[in-house]
């Protein structure tokens, strides 16, 4: 059985994942330097970014397993690349 390929969606999910972590680190760094704006935003931003990271991991895990099960059951319906 051939694994499904997700070149662009995997790349976009990786970029979103990295940017969510970057936002968390920037807010924490700014708050540790005493930024009032970062301190005000942190209670809202940090849980949202953590939720986004968890959602991205869950979507990747859940949809990947569904795709593999569907391919195993019905096969691929896409033509060969050489055709």
N, C-alpha and C. Protein backbone atom coordinates (compact mmCIF):
# COMPACT_ATOMS: atom_id res chain seq x y z
N UNK A 1 0.85 -1.18 0.00
CA UNK A 1 0.00 0.00 0.00
C UNK A 1 0.89 1.24 0.00
N UNK A 2 0.58 2.16 -0.86
CA UNK A 2 1.34 3.40 -0.97
C UNK A 2 0.74 4.47 -0.07
N UNK A 3 1.60 5.16 0.65
CA UNK A 3 1.12 6.24 1.51
C UNK A 3 0.63 7.41 0.67
N UNK A 4 -0.41 8.10 1.13
CA UNK A 4 -0.83 9.31 0.41
C UNK A 4 0.22 10.41 0.60
N UNK A 5 0.35 11.25 -0.39
CA UNK A 5 1.33 12.34 -0.27
C UNK A 5 0.61 13.66 -0.04
N UNK A 6 1.15 14.42 0.87
CA UNK A 6 0.57 15.71 1.25
C UNK A 6 1.66 16.77 1.22
N UNK A 7 2.24 17.00 0.09
CA UNK A 7 3.36 17.93 0.05
C UNK A 7 2.98 19.33 0.51
N UNK A 8 1.99 19.93 -0.12
CA UNK A 8 1.68 21.32 0.21
C UNK A 8 0.96 21.44 1.55
N UNK A 9 -0.01 20.57 1.83
CA UNK A 9 -0.74 20.69 3.09
C UNK A 9 0.18 20.40 4.27
N UNK A 10 1.10 19.44 4.12
CA UNK A 10 2.05 19.15 5.20
C UNK A 10 2.96 20.35 5.42
N UNK A 11 3.38 20.99 4.34
CA UNK A 11 4.24 22.17 4.44
C UNK A 11 3.49 23.30 5.14
N UNK A 12 2.24 23.54 4.75
CA UNK A 12 1.45 24.62 5.36
C UNK A 12 1.18 24.35 6.82
N UNK A 13 0.91 23.09 7.17
CA UNK A 13 0.70 22.76 8.58
C UNK A 13 1.99 22.95 9.38
N UNK A 14 3.12 22.61 8.79
CA UNK A 14 4.40 22.82 9.47
C UNK A 14 4.69 24.29 9.68
N UNK A 15 4.39 25.10 8.67
CA UNK A 15 4.59 26.55 8.80
C UNK A 15 3.67 27.13 9.86
N UNK A 16 2.41 26.72 9.87
CA UNK A 16 1.46 27.20 10.89
C UNK A 16 1.91 26.78 12.28
N UNK A 17 2.40 25.57 12.40
CA UNK A 17 2.89 25.06 13.68
C UNK A 17 4.08 25.90 14.17
N UNK A 18 5.02 26.16 13.28
CA UNK A 18 6.20 26.95 13.64
C UNK A 18 5.82 28.38 14.00
N UNK A 19 4.91 28.97 13.25
CA UNK A 19 4.49 30.34 13.54
C UNK A 19 3.74 30.44 14.86
N UNK A 20 2.94 29.43 15.19
CA UNK A 20 2.24 29.43 16.48
C UNK A 20 3.25 29.40 17.63
N UNK A 21 4.28 28.56 17.50
CA UNK A 21 5.33 28.54 18.53
C UNK A 21 6.08 29.87 18.58
N UNK A 22 6.33 30.46 17.42
CA UNK A 22 7.03 31.75 17.38
C UNK A 22 6.22 32.83 18.10
N UNK A 23 4.91 32.85 17.90
CA UNK A 23 4.06 33.82 18.59
C UNK A 23 4.15 33.62 20.09
N UNK A 24 4.09 32.36 20.53
CA UNK A 24 4.20 32.08 21.97
C UNK A 24 5.52 32.60 22.51
N UNK A 25 6.62 32.28 21.85
CA UNK A 25 7.93 32.71 22.33
C UNK A 25 8.08 34.23 22.32
N UNK A 26 7.56 34.88 21.30
CA UNK A 26 7.64 36.34 21.23
C UNK A 26 6.86 36.99 22.36
N UNK A 27 5.64 36.49 22.62
CA UNK A 27 4.83 37.05 23.70
C UNK A 27 5.50 36.82 25.05
N UNK A 28 6.02 35.63 25.27
CA UNK A 28 6.69 35.33 26.55
C UNK A 28 7.95 36.18 26.70
N UNK A 29 8.73 36.33 25.64
CA UNK A 29 9.94 37.16 25.71
C UNK A 29 9.59 38.61 25.97
N UNK A 30 8.59 39.13 25.26
CA UNK A 30 8.20 40.53 25.46
C UNK A 30 7.64 40.74 26.86
N UNK A 31 6.88 39.78 27.36
CA UNK A 31 6.33 39.90 28.72
C UNK A 31 7.43 39.84 29.77
N UNK A 32 8.46 39.03 29.51
CA UNK A 32 9.55 38.94 30.49
C UNK A 32 10.39 40.21 30.52
N UNK A 33 10.36 40.98 29.44
CA UNK A 33 11.06 42.27 29.42
C UNK A 33 10.17 43.40 29.92
N UNK A 34 8.96 43.08 30.36
CA UNK A 34 8.10 44.07 31.00
C UNK A 34 7.17 44.83 30.08
N UNK A 35 6.89 44.32 28.91
CA UNK A 35 5.97 44.98 27.99
C UNK A 35 4.54 44.86 28.51
N UNK A 36 3.90 46.01 28.74
CA UNK A 36 2.53 46.00 29.24
C UNK A 36 1.56 45.39 28.22
N UNK A 37 1.80 45.67 26.94
CA UNK A 37 0.94 45.11 25.89
C UNK A 37 1.02 43.59 25.85
N UNK A 38 2.24 43.06 25.97
CA UNK A 38 2.42 41.60 25.95
C UNK A 38 1.77 40.97 27.18
N UNK A 39 1.90 41.64 28.32
CA UNK A 39 1.28 41.12 29.54
C UNK A 39 -0.24 41.11 29.42
N UNK A 40 -0.80 42.11 28.75
CA UNK A 40 -2.24 42.16 28.57
C UNK A 40 -2.73 41.11 27.56
N UNK A 41 -1.92 40.84 26.53
CA UNK A 41 -2.32 39.88 25.50
C UNK A 41 -2.07 38.42 25.88
N UNK A 42 -1.11 38.18 26.76
CA UNK A 42 -0.69 36.81 27.07
C UNK A 42 -1.83 35.90 27.53
N UNK A 43 -2.73 36.33 28.42
CA UNK A 43 -3.79 35.41 28.85
C UNK A 43 -4.73 34.97 27.71
N UNK A 44 -4.78 35.74 26.65
CA UNK A 44 -5.63 35.37 25.52
C UNK A 44 -4.83 34.63 24.45
N UNK A 45 -3.66 35.13 24.12
CA UNK A 45 -2.87 34.60 23.01
C UNK A 45 -2.29 33.22 23.30
N UNK A 46 -1.72 33.02 24.48
CA UNK A 46 -1.05 31.75 24.79
C UNK A 46 -2.02 30.57 24.69
N UNK A 47 -3.20 30.61 25.34
CA UNK A 47 -4.11 29.46 25.19
C UNK A 47 -4.60 29.25 23.75
N UNK A 48 -4.79 30.33 23.00
CA UNK A 48 -5.21 30.19 21.61
C UNK A 48 -4.14 29.51 20.76
N UNK A 49 -2.89 29.90 20.94
CA UNK A 49 -1.81 29.30 20.16
C UNK A 49 -1.59 27.84 20.55
N UNK A 50 -1.67 27.54 21.83
CA UNK A 50 -1.54 26.14 22.27
C UNK A 50 -2.69 25.32 21.69
N UNK A 51 -3.90 25.88 21.70
CA UNK A 51 -5.04 25.19 21.09
C UNK A 51 -4.84 24.96 19.61
N UNK A 52 -4.26 25.94 18.92
CA UNK A 52 -4.00 25.79 17.49
C UNK A 52 -2.98 24.69 17.23
N UNK A 53 -1.93 24.64 18.05
CA UNK A 53 -0.91 23.60 17.90
C UNK A 53 -1.54 22.22 18.11
N UNK A 54 -2.33 22.09 19.17
CA UNK A 54 -2.98 20.80 19.44
C UNK A 54 -3.96 20.43 18.33
N UNK A 55 -4.68 21.40 17.81
CA UNK A 55 -5.62 21.13 16.72
C UNK A 55 -4.89 20.69 15.46
N UNK A 56 -3.77 21.33 15.15
CA UNK A 56 -3.00 20.94 13.97
C UNK A 56 -2.49 19.51 14.11
N UNK A 57 -2.01 19.16 15.30
CA UNK A 57 -1.54 17.79 15.51
C UNK A 57 -2.69 16.80 15.41
N UNK A 58 -3.83 17.15 15.96
CA UNK A 58 -4.99 16.26 15.91
C UNK A 58 -5.53 16.09 14.51
N UNK A 59 -5.57 17.17 13.75
CA UNK A 59 -6.05 17.11 12.36
C UNK A 59 -5.12 16.23 11.54
N UNK A 60 -3.83 16.42 11.70
CA UNK A 60 -2.85 15.64 10.94
C UNK A 60 -2.98 14.16 11.27
N UNK A 61 -3.09 13.85 12.54
CA UNK A 61 -3.18 12.46 12.98
C UNK A 61 -4.50 11.83 12.54
N UNK A 62 -5.59 12.53 12.77
CA UNK A 62 -6.91 11.98 12.47
C UNK A 62 -7.16 11.79 10.99
N UNK A 63 -6.87 12.81 10.20
CA UNK A 63 -7.15 12.73 8.76
C UNK A 63 -6.18 11.80 8.05
N UNK A 64 -4.95 11.74 8.52
CA UNK A 64 -3.98 10.82 7.92
C UNK A 64 -4.40 9.37 8.08
N UNK A 65 -4.90 9.03 9.27
CA UNK A 65 -5.33 7.64 9.49
C UNK A 65 -6.58 7.31 8.68
N UNK A 66 -7.47 8.28 8.50
CA UNK A 66 -8.67 8.04 7.68
C UNK A 66 -8.27 7.82 6.22
N UNK A 67 -7.32 8.61 5.73
CA UNK A 67 -6.86 8.44 4.35
C UNK A 67 -6.23 7.07 4.14
N UNK A 68 -5.41 6.64 5.09
CA UNK A 68 -4.76 5.34 4.97
C UNK A 68 -5.80 4.21 4.98
N UNK A 69 -6.80 4.31 5.84
CA UNK A 69 -7.85 3.29 5.91
C UNK A 69 -8.65 3.25 4.60
N UNK A 70 -8.95 4.41 4.04
CA UNK A 70 -9.71 4.47 2.78
C UNK A 70 -8.91 3.87 1.63
N UNK A 71 -7.62 4.18 1.56
CA UNK A 71 -6.78 3.62 0.50
C UNK A 71 -6.67 2.11 0.65
N UNK A 72 -6.55 1.63 1.89
CA UNK A 72 -6.45 0.19 2.11
C UNK A 72 -7.74 -0.51 1.71
N UNK A 73 -8.86 0.12 1.95
CA UNK A 73 -10.16 -0.51 1.66
C UNK A 73 -10.52 -0.44 0.17
N UNK A 74 -10.34 0.73 -0.45
CA UNK A 74 -10.82 0.93 -1.81
C UNK A 74 -9.72 1.09 -2.85
N UNK A 75 -8.49 1.30 -2.44
CA UNK A 75 -7.41 1.55 -3.38
C UNK A 75 -7.40 3.00 -3.83
N UNK A 76 -6.39 3.33 -4.60
CA UNK A 76 -6.28 4.70 -5.11
C UNK A 76 -7.11 4.83 -6.37
N UNK A 77 -7.79 5.95 -6.51
CA UNK A 77 -8.59 6.18 -7.71
C UNK A 77 -7.92 7.17 -8.65
N UNK A 78 -6.68 7.51 -8.37
CA UNK A 78 -5.96 8.46 -9.21
C UNK A 78 -5.18 7.69 -10.28
N UNK A 79 -5.10 8.24 -11.49
CA UNK A 79 -4.31 7.57 -12.53
C UNK A 79 -2.82 7.64 -12.21
N UNK A 80 -2.07 6.73 -12.83
CA UNK A 80 -0.62 6.75 -12.65
C UNK A 80 -0.05 8.03 -13.22
N UNK A 81 1.09 8.45 -12.68
CA UNK A 81 1.71 9.70 -13.13
C UNK A 81 2.22 9.59 -14.55
N UNK A 82 2.56 8.40 -15.00
CA UNK A 82 3.09 8.21 -16.34
C UNK A 82 2.01 8.21 -17.42
N UNK A 83 0.76 8.08 -17.03
CA UNK A 83 -0.33 7.97 -18.02
C UNK A 83 -0.76 9.31 -18.55
